[in-house]
Amino acid sequence: MTLQHNPLIASQLPIRLVIHGGAGAISRARLTKEREQTYQQTLREALLAGYAVLSAGGSSIEAVTEAIVVMEDSPLFNAGKGSVFTHEGHNELDAAIMDGANRMAGAVAGVKTIRNPIRAARAVMTKSNHVMLIAEGAEAFARDQRLEIVDATYFYTQQRWEQLQRTIERERVQHQQAIEADSLLVEKDDKYGTVGAVALDRSGNLAAGTSTGGLVNKRYGRVGDSPIIGAGTYADNRSVAVSGTGTGEMFIRTAAAHSIAVRVQLKQLSITEAADQILAEIAAIGGDGGVIVLDKSGHYTMRFITSGMYRGTIGGDGVPWVGILPEAEIALNAEK
């Protein structure tokens, strides 16, 4: 296992937003210049949407929401509009959000008609007595809250549909009947398209959010780590805000996001050390992926044990930085 380098950056700036658009087998050979520029532009748009909130004195929760909405509305990422298909040919979306100031949290899972699941997760957090709602119940709640409901066909993209067909055919040819085989049959460059954001506002409050379309060709209502508080999403002003992307089952089994927070708060590890330890645990049980972590002082890190991770950050200067492959860190170091 090789941990890709991404230096911990200390910032005295009062606001900070960090985002990711998924980690996976992203190769330079397959990442054309045009495709790279398209991803970078959308990541910048997400950063600027969150920055507009933070720079105006808005909350970290609102900044996380607005940044994720941009990525949910893009067909590029496995979240919202770009969500992958289940084995039955449906799109099932999950999302979670958490407020580090009071540890309130909200999540939805297995929803099919909510345009922006991150908004639904936030509504669960602020407008209900619950933390997680699923499937039809979550959709009924979203309608009651007057969130935007769309026909399920809104989430259809030809690229994702063809991806499902190739995956099913590969499964048939290889005679893999067990559900565990699904994770071996997805196309690796699209496997971890989950999106997420962590933010620090002018009041010193942290927030984290994550949204995903799940795992291509998944069955039986499978839910991964993204909507599970403490697994793929966590925020606590006493420690850090975390959003993860990767092998969902392994993030759940290691309670990845919360484990990073505990290491920072109780063991006094740096956020990079804490992130690396958890990613090593995930790798040790057969998983991979990446995390973004932000602390209450504005220190942040973006760590991944895959060949790439769509990611970016913006601080008080309002200048967005985005990267996809590891070599992007050279440019980052030159600027800081």
C-alpha atoms as a PDB file:
ATOM      1  CA  MET A   1       0.000   0.000   0.000  1.00  0.00           C
ATOM      2  CA  THR A   2       1.273   3.449  -0.950  1.00  0.00           C
ATOM      3  CA  LEU A   3      -0.241   6.506   0.651  1.00  0.00           C
ATOM      4  CA  GLN A   4      -0.386   9.367  -1.827  1.00  0.00           C
ATOM      5  CA  HIS A   5       1.159  12.488  -0.371  1.00  0.00           C
ATOM      6  CA  ASN A   6      -1.055  15.404   0.458  1.00  0.00           C
ATOM      7  CA  PRO A   7       0.541  17.774   2.997  1.00  0.00           C
ATOM      8  CA  LEU A   8      -1.286  19.067   6.031  1.00  0.00           C
ATOM      9  CA  ILE A   9      -1.738  22.771   5.520  1.00  0.00           C
ATOM     10  CA  ALA A  10      -1.958  25.180   8.402  1.00  0.00           C
ATOM     11  CA  SER A  11      -4.087  28.217   7.689  1.00  0.00           C
ATOM     12  CA  GLN A  12      -4.780  31.284   9.751  1.00  0.00           C
ATOM     13  CA  LEU A  13      -7.718  32.134   7.528  1.00  0.00           C
ATOM     14  CA  PRO A  14     -11.067  32.166   9.339  1.00  0.00           C
ATOM     15  CA  ILE A  15     -12.962  30.100   6.791  1.00  0.00           C
ATOM     16  CA  ARG A  16     -12.194  26.885   4.888  1.00  0.00           C
ATOM     17  CA  LEU A  17     -14.020  24.486   2.580  1.00  0.00           C
ATOM     18  CA  VAL A  18     -12.651  21.141   1.361  1.00  0.00           C
ATOM     19  CA  ILE A  19     -14.467  18.874  -1.095  1.00  0.00           C
ATOM     20  CA  HIS A  20     -14.050  15.521  -2.802  1.00  0.00           C
ATOM     21  CA  GLY A  21     -15.718  13.949  -5.812  1.00  0.00           C
ATOM     22  CA  GLY A  22     -14.671  10.372  -5.191  1.00  0.00           C
ATOM     23  CA  ALA A  23     -11.504   8.296  -5.125  1.00  0.00           C
ATOM     24  CA  GLY A  24     -10.633   5.355  -7.342  1.00  0.00           C
ATOM     25  CA  ALA A  25      -8.512   3.953 -10.142  1.00  0.00           C
ATOM     26  CA  ILE A  26      -8.082   7.211 -12.034  1.00  0.00           C
ATOM     27  CA  SER A  27      -5.264   6.844 -14.562  1.00  0.00           C
ATOM     28  CA  ARG A  28      -3.502   9.527 -16.565  1.00  0.00           C
ATOM     29  CA  ALA A  29      -3.922   7.378 -19.667  1.00  0.00           C
ATOM     30  CA  ARG A  30      -7.725   7.437 -19.394  1.00  0.00           C
ATOM     31  CA  LEU A  31      -8.052  10.978 -18.074  1.00  0.00           C
ATOM     32  CA  THR A  32      -8.103  13.024 -21.262  1.00  0.00           C
ATOM     33  CA  LYS A  33      -7.323  16.712 -21.096  1.00  0.00           C
ATOM     34  CA  GLU A  34     -10.901  17.587 -21.963  1.00  0.00           C
ATOM     35  CA  ARG A  35     -12.314  15.300 -19.286  1.00  0.00           C
ATOM     36  CA  GLU A  36      -9.849  16.591 -16.713  1.00  0.00           C
ATOM     37  CA  GLN A  37     -10.832  20.187 -17.432  1.00  0.00           C
ATOM     38  CA  THR A  38     -14.523  19.344 -17.152  1.00  0.00           C
ATOM     39  CA  TYR A  39     -14.046  17.750 -13.736  1.00  0.00           C
ATOM     40  CA  GLN A  40     -11.859  20.619 -12.572  1.00  0.00           C
ATOM     41  CA  GLN A  41     -14.425  23.204 -13.654  1.00  0.00           C
ATOM     42  CA  THR A  42     -17.235  21.508 -11.749  1.00  0.00           C
ATOM     43  CA  LEU A  43     -15.071  21.129  -8.645  1.00  0.00           C
ATOM     44  CA  ARG A  44     -14.288  24.856  -8.830  1.00  0.00           C
ATOM     45  CA  GLU A  45     -17.987  25.670  -9.162  1.00  0.00           C
ATOM     46  CA  ALA A  46     -18.702  23.610  -6.055  1.00  0.00           C
ATOM     47  CA  LEU A  47     -15.939  25.356  -4.116  1.00  0.00           C
ATOM     48  CA  LEU A  48     -17.121  28.800  -5.167  1.00  0.00           C
ATOM     49  CA  ALA A  49     -20.730  27.973  -4.227  1.00  0.00           C
ATOM     50  CA  GLY A  50     -19.630  27.039  -0.711  1.00  0.00           C
ATOM     51  CA  TYR A  51     -17.232  29.980  -0.514  1.00  0.00           C
ATOM     52  CA  ALA A  52     -20.039  32.416  -1.350  1.00  0.00           C
ATOM     53  CA  VAL A  53     -21.826  31.221   1.783  1.00  0.00           C
ATOM     54  CA  LEU A  54     -18.790  31.293   4.072  1.00  0.00           C
ATOM     55  CA  SER A  55     -17.453  34.662   2.876  1.00  0.00           C
ATOM     56  CA  ALA A  56     -20.848  36.240   3.543  1.00  0.00           C
ATOM     57  CA  GLY A  57     -20.777  34.954   7.116  1.00  0.00           C
ATOM     58  CA  GLY A  58     -22.996  31.948   6.448  1.00  0.00           C
ATOM     59  CA  SER A  59     -22.846  28.675   8.309  1.00  0.00           C
ATOM     60  CA  SER A  60     -20.629  25.705   7.582  1.00  0.00           C
ATOM     61  CA  ILE A  61     -23.782  23.574   7.208  1.00  0.00           C
ATOM     62  CA  GLU A  62     -25.067  25.827   4.452  1.00  0.00           C
ATOM     63  CA  ALA A  63     -21.662  25.898   2.741  1.00  0.00           C
ATOM     64  CA  VAL A  64     -21.423  22.101   2.750  1.00  0.00           C
ATOM     65  CA  THR A  65     -24.959  21.836   1.387  1.00  0.00           C
ATOM     66  CA  GLU A  66     -24.410  24.277  -1.466  1.00  0.00           C
ATOM     67  CA  ALA A  67     -21.089  22.741  -2.490  1.00  0.00           C
ATOM     68  CA  ILE A  68     -22.566  19.242  -2.584  1.00  0.00           C
ATOM     69  CA  VAL A  69     -25.664  20.388  -4.499  1.00  0.00           C
ATOM     70  CA  VAL A  70     -23.411  21.533  -7.355  1.00  0.00           C
ATOM     71  CA  MET A  71     -21.833  18.075  -7.536  1.00  0.00           C
ATOM     72  CA  GLU A  72     -25.205  16.317  -7.175  1.00  0.00           C
ATOM     73  CA  ASP A  73     -26.511  18.318 -10.138  1.00  0.00           C
ATOM     74  CA  SER A  74     -23.584  17.237 -12.325  1.00  0.00           C
ATOM     75  CA  PRO A  75     -23.642  13.940 -14.285  1.00  0.00           C
ATOM     76  CA  LEU A  76     -19.886  13.595 -13.678  1.00  0.00           C
ATOM     77  CA  PHE A  77     -20.088  12.177 -10.174  1.00  0.00           C
ATOM     78  CA  ASN A  78     -21.792   9.148  -8.641  1.00  0.00           C
ATOM     79  CA  ALA A  79     -24.268  11.267  -6.699  1.00  0.00           C
ATOM     80  CA  GLY A  80     -27.533  12.918  -7.632  1.00  0.00           C
ATOM     81  CA  LYS A  81     -27.830  13.267 -11.416  1.00  0.00           C
ATOM     82  CA  GLY A  82     -24.817  11.029 -12.114  1.00  0.00           C
ATOM     83  CA  SER A  83     -25.808   8.155  -9.819  1.00  0.00           C
ATOM     84  CA  VAL A  84     -25.094   4.589 -10.872  1.00  0.00           C
ATOM     85  CA  PHE A  85     -27.776   1.951 -11.431  1.00  0.00           C
ATOM     86  CA  THR A  86     -28.724  -0.963  -9.224  1.00  0.00           C
ATOM     87  CA  HIS A  87     -28.929  -4.486 -10.656  1.00  0.00           C
ATOM     88  CA  GLU A  88     -32.660  -3.948 -11.236  1.00  0.00           C
ATOM     89  CA  GLY A  89     -31.998  -0.761 -13.224  1.00  0.00           C
ATOM     90  CA  HIS A  90     -32.963   1.811 -10.599  1.00  0.00           C
ATOM     91  CA  ASN A  91     -31.077   4.690  -8.996  1.00  0.00           C
ATOM     92  CA  GLU A  92     -30.958   4.621  -5.195  1.00  0.00           C
ATOM     93  CA  LEU A  93     -29.365   7.625  -3.535  1.00  0.00           C
ATOM     94  CA  ASP A  94     -27.949   8.165  -0.037  1.00  0.00           C
ATOM     95  CA  ALA A  95     -26.718  11.265   1.799  1.00  0.00           C
ATOM     96  CA  ALA A  96     -25.821  12.537   5.263  1.00  0.00           C
ATOM     97  CA  ILE A  97     -24.897  15.808   6.918  1.00  0.00           C
ATOM     98  CA  MET A  98     -23.639  16.635  10.419  1.00  0.00           C
ATOM     99  CA  ASP A  99     -23.254  19.848  12.418  1.00  0.00           C
ATOM    100  CA  GLY A 100     -20.080  19.924  14.507  1.00  0.00           C
ATOM    101  CA  ALA A 101     -21.442  22.602  16.839  1.00  0.00           C
ATOM    102  CA  ASN A 102     -24.116  20.401  18.402  1.00  0.00           C
ATOM    103  CA  ARG A 103     -23.568  17.001  16.741  1.00  0.00           C
ATOM    104  CA  MET A 104     -26.984  17.108  15.173  1.00  0.00           C
ATOM    105  CA  ALA A 105     -27.131  14.925  12.069  1.00  0.00           C
ATOM    106  CA  GLY A 106     -29.484  13.887   9.314  1.00  0.00           C
ATOM    107  CA  ALA A 107     -29.416  11.206   6.641  1.00  0.00           C
ATOM    108  CA  VAL A 108     -31.494   9.599   3.913  1.00  0.00           C
ATOM    109  CA  ALA A 109     -30.919   6.267   2.189  1.00  0.00           C
ATOM    110  CA  GLY A 110     -32.364   4.414  -0.780  1.00  0.00           C
ATOM    111  CA  VAL A 111     -34.273   7.387  -2.177  1.00  0.00           C
ATOM    112  CA  LYS A 112     -35.265   7.487  -5.850  1.00  0.00           C
ATOM    113  CA  THR A 113     -37.066  10.781  -6.513  1.00  0.00           C
ATOM    114  CA  ILE A 114     -35.346  13.465  -4.417  1.00  0.00           C
ATOM    115  CA  ARG A 115     -33.280  15.659  -6.719  1.00  0.00           C
ATOM    116  CA  ASN A 116     -30.798  16.671  -4.024  1.00  0.00           C
ATOM    117  CA  PRO A 117     -30.499  14.087  -1.246  1.00  0.00           C
ATOM    118  CA  ILE A 118     -28.147  16.356   0.724  1.00  0.00           C
ATOM    119  CA  ARG A 119     -31.018  18.841   1.135  1.00  0.00           C
ATOM    120  CA  ALA A 120     -33.230  16.015   2.352  1.00  0.00           C
ATOM    121  CA  ALA A 121     -30.581  14.923   4.851  1.00  0.00           C
ATOM    122  CA  ARG A 122     -30.366  18.474   6.137  1.00  0.00           C
ATOM    123  CA  ALA A 123     -34.145  18.639   6.483  1.00  0.00           C
ATOM    124  CA  VAL A 124     -34.117  15.404   8.485  1.00  0.00           C
ATOM    125  CA  MET A 125     -31.529  17.007  10.777  1.00  0.00           C
ATOM    126  CA  THR A 126     -33.340  20.303  11.275  1.00  0.00           C
ATOM    127  CA  LYS A 127     -37.021  19.512  10.709  1.00  0.00           C
ATOM    128  CA  SER A 128     -37.468  16.117  12.365  1.00  0.00           C
ATOM    129  CA  ASN A 129     -36.657  14.292  15.579  1.00  0.00           C
ATOM    130  CA  HIS A 130     -34.787  11.596  13.677  1.00  0.00           C
ATOM    131  CA  VAL A 131     -31.328  11.023  12.227  1.00  0.00           C
ATOM    132  CA  MET A 132     -32.020   8.669   9.295  1.00  0.00           C
ATOM    133  CA  LEU A 133     -35.013   8.117   7.050  1.00  0.00           C
ATOM    134  CA  ILE A 134     -35.082   5.588   4.221  1.00  0.00           C
ATOM    135  CA  ALA A 135     -36.796   4.849   0.912  1.00  0.00           C
ATOM    136  CA  GLU A 136     -40.482   5.797   0.567  1.00  0.00           C
ATOM    137  CA  GLY A 137     -40.624   7.268   4.051  1.00  0.00           C
ATOM    138  CA  ALA A 138     -37.758   9.627   3.305  1.00  0.00           C
ATOM    139  CA  GLU A 139     -39.405  10.637   0.047  1.00  0.00           C
ATOM    140  CA  ALA A 140     -42.729  11.336   1.763  1.00  0.00           C
ATOM    141  CA  PHE A 141     -40.909  13.473   4.312  1.00  0.00           C
ATOM    142  CA  ALA A 142     -39.110  15.354   1.521  1.00  0.00           C
ATOM    143  CA  ARG A 143     -42.423  16.089  -0.166  1.00  0.00           C
ATOM    144  CA  ASP A 144     -43.827  17.387   3.106  1.00  0.00           C
ATOM    145  CA  GLN A 145     -40.817  19.676   3.375  1.00  0.00           C
ATOM    146  CA  ARG A 146     -41.419  20.928  -0.166  1.00  0.00           C
ATOM    147  CA  LEU A 147     -38.073  19.740  -1.441  1.00  0.00           C
ATOM    148  CA  GLU A 148     -37.702  19.259  -5.170  1.00  0.00           C
ATOM    149  CA  ILE A 149     -39.076  15.888  -6.267  1.00  0.00           C
ATOM    150  CA  VAL A 150     -38.277  14.604  -9.749  1.00  0.00           C
ATOM    151  CA  ASP A 151     -39.344  11.686 -11.889  1.00  0.00           C
ATOM    152  CA  ALA A 152     -36.949   8.776 -11.531  1.00  0.00           C
ATOM    153  CA  THR A 153     -35.938   9.228 -15.163  1.00  0.00           C
ATOM    154  CA  TYR A 154     -34.155  12.445 -14.162  1.00  0.00           C
ATOM    155  CA  PHE A 155     -31.272  10.331 -12.871  1.00  0.00           C
ATOM    156  CA  TYR A 156     -30.892   8.350 -16.101  1.00  0.00           C
ATOM    157  CA  THR A 157     -27.637   8.911 -17.984  1.00  0.00           C
ATOM    158  CA  GLN A 158     -26.568   6.813 -20.946  1.00  0.00           C
ATOM    159  CA  GLN A 159     -23.044   6.407 -19.584  1.00  0.00           C
ATOM    160  CA  ARG A 160     -24.267   4.915 -16.301  1.00  0.00           C
ATOM    161  CA  TRP A 161     -26.800   2.674 -18.061  1.00  0.00           C
ATOM    162  CA  GLU A 162     -24.118   1.255 -20.365  1.00  0.00           C
ATOM    163  CA  GLN A 163     -21.854   0.789 -17.356  1.00  0.00           C
ATOM    164  CA  LEU A 164     -24.524  -1.344 -15.691  1.00  0.00           C
ATOM    165  CA  GLN A 165     -24.998  -3.480 -18.813  1.00  0.00           C
ATOM    166  CA  ARG A 166     -21.261  -4.139 -19.092  1.00  0.00           C
ATOM    167  CA  THR A 167     -21.094  -5.057 -15.425  1.00  0.00           C
ATOM    168  CA  ILE A 168     -24.040  -7.460 -15.662  1.00  0.00           C
ATOM    169  CA  GLU A 169     -22.536  -9.107 -18.743  1.00  0.00           C
ATOM    170  CA  ARG A 170     -19.196  -9.503 -17.035  1.00  0.00           C
ATOM    171  CA  GLU A 171     -20.963 -11.061 -14.058  1.00  0.00           C
ATOM    172  CA  ARG A 172     -22.803 -13.493 -16.315  1.00  0.00           C
ATOM    173  CA  VAL A 173     -19.682 -14.531 -18.173  1.00  0.00           C
ATOM    174  CA  GLN A 174     -17.696 -15.103 -15.024  1.00  0.00           C
ATOM    175  CA  HIS A 175     -20.578 -16.999 -13.361  1.00  0.00           C
ATOM    176  CA  GLN A 176     -20.296 -14.953 -10.178  1.00  0.00           C
ATOM    177  CA  GLN A 177     -23.486 -15.601  -8.197  1.00  0.00           C
ATOM    178  CA  ALA A 178     -22.474 -14.337  -4.763  1.00  0.00           C
ATOM    179  CA  ILE A 179     -23.268 -10.760  -3.821  1.00  0.00           C
ATOM    180  CA  GLU A 180     -19.659 -10.349  -2.650  1.00  0.00           C
ATOM    181  CA  ALA A 181     -18.577 -10.566  -6.289  1.00  0.00           C
ATOM    182  CA  ASP A 182     -20.276  -7.279  -7.119  1.00  0.00           C
ATOM    183  CA  SER A 183     -17.427  -5.191  -5.760  1.00  0.00           C
ATOM    184  CA  LEU A 184     -14.993  -7.029  -8.015  1.00  0.00           C
ATOM    185  CA  LEU A 185     -17.002  -6.441 -11.150  1.00  0.00           C
ATOM    186  CA  VAL A 186     -17.568  -2.708 -11.176  1.00  0.00           C
ATOM    187  CA  GLU A 187     -15.527  -0.481 -13.404  1.00  0.00           C
ATOM    188  CA  LYS A 188     -12.827   0.809 -11.136  1.00  0.00           C
ATOM    189  CA  ASP A 189     -12.603   4.303 -12.558  1.00  0.00           C
ATOM    190  CA  ASP A 190     -16.266   4.882 -11.646  1.00  0.00           C
ATOM    191  CA  LYS A 191     -16.417   2.867  -8.440  1.00  0.00           C
ATOM    192  CA  TYR A 192     -15.972   5.602  -5.884  1.00  0.00           C
ATOM    193  CA  GLY A 193     -17.723   8.648  -7.330  1.00  0.00           C
ATOM    194  CA  THR A 194     -19.210   9.631  -3.977  1.00  0.00           C
ATOM    195  CA  VAL A 195     -19.081  13.384  -3.284  1.00  0.00           C
ATOM    196  CA  GLY A 196     -18.496  15.160  -0.005  1.00  0.00           C
ATOM    197  CA  ALA A 197     -17.566  18.408   1.709  1.00  0.00           C
ATOM    198  CA  VAL A 198     -16.271  19.666   5.042  1.00  0.00           C
ATOM    199  CA  ALA A 199     -16.336  23.302   6.110  1.00  0.00           C
ATOM    200  CA  LEU A 200     -15.296  25.736   8.851  1.00  0.00           C
ATOM    201  CA  ASP A 201     -17.261  28.979   9.172  1.00  0.00           C
ATOM    202  CA  ARG A 202     -16.466  32.341  10.746  1.00  0.00           C
ATOM    203  CA  SER A 203     -18.111  31.242  13.987  1.00  0.00           C
ATOM    204  CA  GLY A 204     -15.613  28.399  14.286  1.00  0.00           C
ATOM    205  CA  ASN A 205     -18.174  25.701  13.577  1.00  0.00           C
ATOM    206  CA  LEU A 206     -17.404  22.571  11.555  1.00  0.00           C
ATOM    207  CA  ALA A 207     -19.752  20.611   9.305  1.00  0.00           C
ATOM    208  CA  ALA A 208     -19.499  17.565   7.057  1.00  0.00           C
ATOM    209  CA  GLY A 209     -21.684  16.123   4.332  1.00  0.00           C
ATOM    210  CA  THR A 210     -21.556  13.211   1.902  1.00  0.00           C
ATOM    211  CA  SER A 211     -23.787  12.126  -0.986  1.00  0.00           C
ATOM    212  CA  THR A 212     -23.681   9.056  -3.242  1.00  0.00           C
ATOM    213  CA  GLY A 213     -25.461   6.922  -5.779  1.00  0.00           C
ATOM    214  CA  GLY A 214     -24.059   3.821  -4.139  1.00  0.00           C
ATOM    215  CA  LEU A 215     -22.480   0.826  -5.835  1.00  0.00           C
ATOM    216  CA  VAL A 216     -23.163  -0.050  -9.458  1.00  0.00           C
ATOM    217  CA  ASN A 217     -25.112  -3.317  -9.880  1.00  0.00           C
ATOM    218  CA  LYS A 218     -25.909  -3.440  -6.150  1.00  0.00           C
ATOM    219  CA  ARG A 219     -28.761  -5.640  -4.933  1.00  0.00           C
ATOM    220  CA  TYR A 220     -31.170  -6.081  -2.052  1.00  0.00           C
ATOM    221  CA  GLY A 221     -31.292  -2.435  -0.993  1.00  0.00           C
ATOM    222  CA  ARG A 222     -27.597  -2.294  -0.113  1.00  0.00           C
ATOM    223  CA  VAL A 223     -26.540   0.877   1.742  1.00  0.00           C
ATOM    224  CA  GLY A 224     -22.929   1.939   2.117  1.00  0.00           C
ATOM    225  CA  ASP A 225     -21.074   4.215   4.497  1.00  0.00           C
ATOM    226  CA  SER A 226     -22.044   7.643   3.151  1.00  0.00           C
ATOM    227  CA  PRO A 227     -25.319   8.086   5.085  1.00  0.00           C
ATOM    228  CA  ILE A 228     -24.046   6.360   8.209  1.00  0.00           C
ATOM    229  CA  ILE A 229     -22.925   8.865  10.817  1.00  0.00           C
ATOM    230  CA  GLY A 230     -19.449   7.926  12.015  1.00  0.00           C
ATOM    231  CA  ALA A 231     -18.649   5.773   8.993  1.00  0.00           C
ATOM    232  CA  GLY A 232     -18.570   8.009   5.924  1.00  0.00           C
ATOM    233  CA  THR A 233     -19.600  11.286   7.561  1.00  0.00           C
ATOM    234  CA  TYR A 234     -18.798  12.929  10.892  1.00  0.00           C
ATOM    235  CA  ALA A 235     -18.306  16.397  12.417  1.00  0.00           C
ATOM    236  CA  ASP A 236     -17.513  17.547  15.953  1.00  0.00           C
ATOM    237  CA  ASN A 237     -16.139  20.961  16.909  1.00  0.00           C
ATOM    238  CA  ARG A 238     -14.000  19.245  19.539  1.00  0.00           C
ATOM    239  CA  SER A 239     -12.036  17.431  16.858  1.00  0.00           C
ATOM    240  CA  VAL A 240     -12.666  17.366  13.102  1.00  0.00           C
ATOM    241  CA  ALA A 241     -15.091  17.150  10.213  1.00  0.00           C
ATOM    242  CA  VAL A 242     -14.665  14.154   7.903  1.00  0.00           C
ATOM    243  CA  SER A 243     -16.145  12.923   4.632  1.00  0.00           C
ATOM    244  CA  GLY A 244     -15.021   9.662   3.072  1.00  0.00           C
ATOM    245  CA  THR A 245     -15.152   7.873  -0.249  1.00  0.00           C
ATOM    246  CA  GLY A 246     -14.228   4.280  -0.951  1.00  0.00           C
ATOM    247  CA  THR A 247     -15.183   0.720  -0.118  1.00  0.00           C
ATOM    248  CA  GLY A 248     -18.298   1.442   1.902  1.00  0.00           C
ATOM    249  CA  GLU A 249     -18.415  -1.833   3.782  1.00  0.00           C
ATOM    250  CA  MET A 250     -14.867  -1.333   5.057  1.00  0.00           C
ATOM    251  CA  PHE A 251     -15.555   2.265   6.089  1.00  0.00           C
ATOM    252  CA  ILE A 252     -18.516   0.972   8.091  1.00  0.00           C
ATOM    253  CA  ARG A 253     -16.541  -1.845   9.699  1.00  0.00           C
ATOM    254  CA  THR A 254     -13.814   0.569  10.831  1.00  0.00           C
ATOM    255  CA  ALA A 255     -16.215   3.387  11.771  1.00  0.00           C
ATOM    256  CA  ALA A 256     -13.766   5.375   9.695  1.00  0.00           C
ATOM    257  CA  ALA A 257     -14.926   8.980  10.080  1.00  0.00           C
ATOM    258  CA  HIS A 258     -15.512   8.733  13.821  1.00  0.00           C
ATOM    259  CA  SER A 259     -12.265   6.814  14.315  1.00  0.00           C
ATOM    260  CA  ILE A 260     -10.343   9.687  12.753  1.00  0.00           C
ATOM    261  CA  ALA A 261     -12.068  12.154  15.081  1.00  0.00           C
ATOM    262  CA  VAL A 262     -11.288  10.022  18.136  1.00  0.00           C
ATOM    263  CA  ARG A 263      -7.621   9.775  17.233  1.00  0.00           C
ATOM    264  CA  VAL A 264      -7.397  13.536  16.874  1.00  0.00           C
ATOM    265  CA  GLN A 265      -9.339  14.349  20.041  1.00  0.00           C
ATOM    266  CA  LEU A 266      -8.109  11.688  22.448  1.00  0.00           C
ATOM    267  CA  LYS A 267      -4.745  10.565  21.097  1.00  0.00           C
ATOM    268  CA  GLN A 268      -3.746  14.055  19.960  1.00  0.00           C
ATOM    269  CA  LEU A 269      -2.650  12.806  16.569  1.00  0.00           C
ATOM    270  CA  SER A 270      -2.363  15.199  13.666  1.00  0.00           C
ATOM    271  CA  ILE A 271      -5.221  14.941  11.210  1.00  0.00           C
ATOM    272  CA  THR A 272      -2.912  13.463   8.600  1.00  0.00           C
ATOM    273  CA  GLU A 273      -1.651  10.792  11.002  1.00  0.00           C
ATOM    274  CA  ALA A 274      -5.199   9.949  12.039  1.00  0.00           C
ATOM    275  CA  ALA A 275      -6.407   9.729   8.448  1.00  0.00           C
ATOM    276  CA  ASP A 276      -3.464   7.567   7.415  1.00  0.00           C
ATOM    277  CA  GLN A 277      -4.025   5.152  10.291  1.00  0.00           C
ATOM    278  CA  ILE A 278      -7.653   4.595   9.343  1.00  0.00           C
ATOM    279  CA  LEU A 279      -6.888   4.223   5.655  1.00  0.00           C
ATOM    280  CA  ALA A 280      -4.262   1.636   6.612  1.00  0.00           C
ATOM    281  CA  GLU A 281      -6.903  -0.248   8.634  1.00  0.00           C
ATOM    282  CA  ILE A 282      -9.278  -0.120   5.689  1.00  0.00           C
ATOM    283  CA  ALA A 283      -6.571  -1.445   3.371  1.00  0.00           C
ATOM    284  CA  ALA A 284      -5.730  -4.232   5.826  1.00  0.00           C
ATOM    285  CA  ILE A 285      -9.252  -5.671   5.516  1.00  0.00           C
ATOM    286  CA  GLY A 286      -9.374  -5.383   1.750  1.00  0.00           C
ATOM    287  CA  GLY A 287     -10.721  -1.895   1.107  1.00  0.00           C
ATOM    288  CA  ASP A 288      -9.448   1.374  -0.277  1.00  0.00           C
ATOM    289  CA  GLY A 289     -10.561   4.954  -0.782  1.00  0.00           C
ATOM    290  CA  GLY A 290      -9.854   8.394   0.610  1.00  0.00           C
ATOM    291  CA  VAL A 291     -10.908  11.025   3.139  1.00  0.00           C
ATOM    292  CA  ILE A 292     -10.977  14.768   3.548  1.00  0.00           C
ATOM    293  CA  VAL A 293     -10.470  16.063   7.082  1.00  0.00           C
ATOM    294  CA  LEU A 294     -10.730  19.587   8.521  1.00  0.00           C
ATOM    295  CA  ASP A 295     -10.148  20.738  12.076  1.00  0.00           C
ATOM    296  CA  LYS A 296     -11.411  23.699  14.088  1.00  0.00           C
ATOM    297  CA  SER A 297      -8.203  25.674  13.452  1.00  0.00           C
ATOM    298  CA  GLY A 298      -8.579  25.415   9.699  1.00  0.00           C
ATOM    299  CA  HIS A 299      -5.955  22.699   9.212  1.00  0.00           C
ATOM    300  CA  TYR A 300      -6.996  20.248   6.523  1.00  0.00           C
ATOM    301  CA  THR A 301      -5.772  17.216   4.695  1.00  0.00           C
ATOM    302  CA  MET A 302      -6.898  15.145   1.700  1.00  0.00           C
ATOM    303  CA  ARG A 303      -5.608  11.560   1.870  1.00  0.00           C
ATOM    304  CA  PHE A 304      -6.186   8.622  -0.437  1.00  0.00           C
ATOM    305  CA  ILE A 305      -4.796   5.157  -1.080  1.00  0.00           C
ATOM    306  CA  THR A 306      -6.114   4.917  -4.620  1.00  0.00           C
ATOM    307  CA  SER A 307      -4.443   6.214  -7.761  1.00  0.00           C
ATOM    308  CA  GLY A 308      -6.444   9.427  -7.615  1.00  0.00           C
ATOM    309  CA  MET A 309      -9.172  11.429  -5.904  1.00  0.00           C
ATOM    310  CA  TYR A 310     -11.200  14.329  -7.263  1.00  0.00           C
ATOM    311  CA  ARG A 311     -10.679  17.024  -4.650  1.00  0.00           C
ATOM    312  CA  GLY A 312     -10.329  20.718  -3.928  1.00  0.00           C
ATOM    313  CA  THR A 313     -10.193  23.431  -1.300  1.00  0.00           C
ATOM    314  CA  ILE A 314     -10.784  27.132  -0.864  1.00  0.00           C
ATOM    315  CA  GLY A 315      -9.987  29.507   2.000  1.00  0.00           C
ATOM    316  CA  GLY A 316     -10.475  33.123   2.904  1.00  0.00           C
ATOM    317  CA  ASP A 317      -8.595  34.375  -0.154  1.00  0.00           C
ATOM    318  CA  GLY A 318     -11.327  33.008  -2.381  1.00  0.00           C
ATOM    319  CA  VAL A 319      -8.913  31.203  -4.704  1.00  0.00           C
ATOM    320  CA  PRO A 320      -9.996  27.618  -5.429  1.00  0.00           C
ATOM    321  CA  TRP A 321      -7.478  24.791  -5.768  1.00  0.00           C
ATOM    322  CA  VAL A 322      -8.455  21.495  -7.394  1.00  0.00           C
ATOM    323  CA  GLY A 323      -6.602  18.256  -8.064  1.00  0.00           C
ATOM    324  CA  ILE A 324      -7.261  14.760  -9.356  1.00  0.00           C
ATOM    325  CA  LEU A 325      -3.985  12.841  -9.613  1.00  0.00           C
ATOM    326  CA  PRO A 326      -1.155  12.819  -7.047  1.00  0.00           C
ATOM    327  CA  GLU A 327       1.150  15.022  -9.127  1.00  0.00           C
ATOM    328  CA  ALA A 328      -1.268  17.904  -8.559  1.00  0.00           C
ATOM    329  CA  GLU A 329       0.333  18.268  -5.131  1.00  0.00           C
ATOM    330  CA  ILE A 330       3.437  19.692  -6.764  1.00  0.00           C
ATOM    331  CA  ALA A 331       1.416  22.687  -7.919  1.00  0.00           C
ATOM    332  CA  LEU A 332      -0.247  22.974  -4.527  1.00  0.00           C
ATOM    333  CA  ASN A 333       3.100  23.061  -2.756  1.00  0.00           C
ATOM    334  CA  ALA A 334       4.380  25.684  -5.129  1.00  0.00           C
ATOM    335  CA  GLU A 335       1.452  27.961  -4.373  1.00  0.00           C
ATOM    336  CA  LYS A 336       1.412  27.653  -0.563  1.00  0.00           C
END
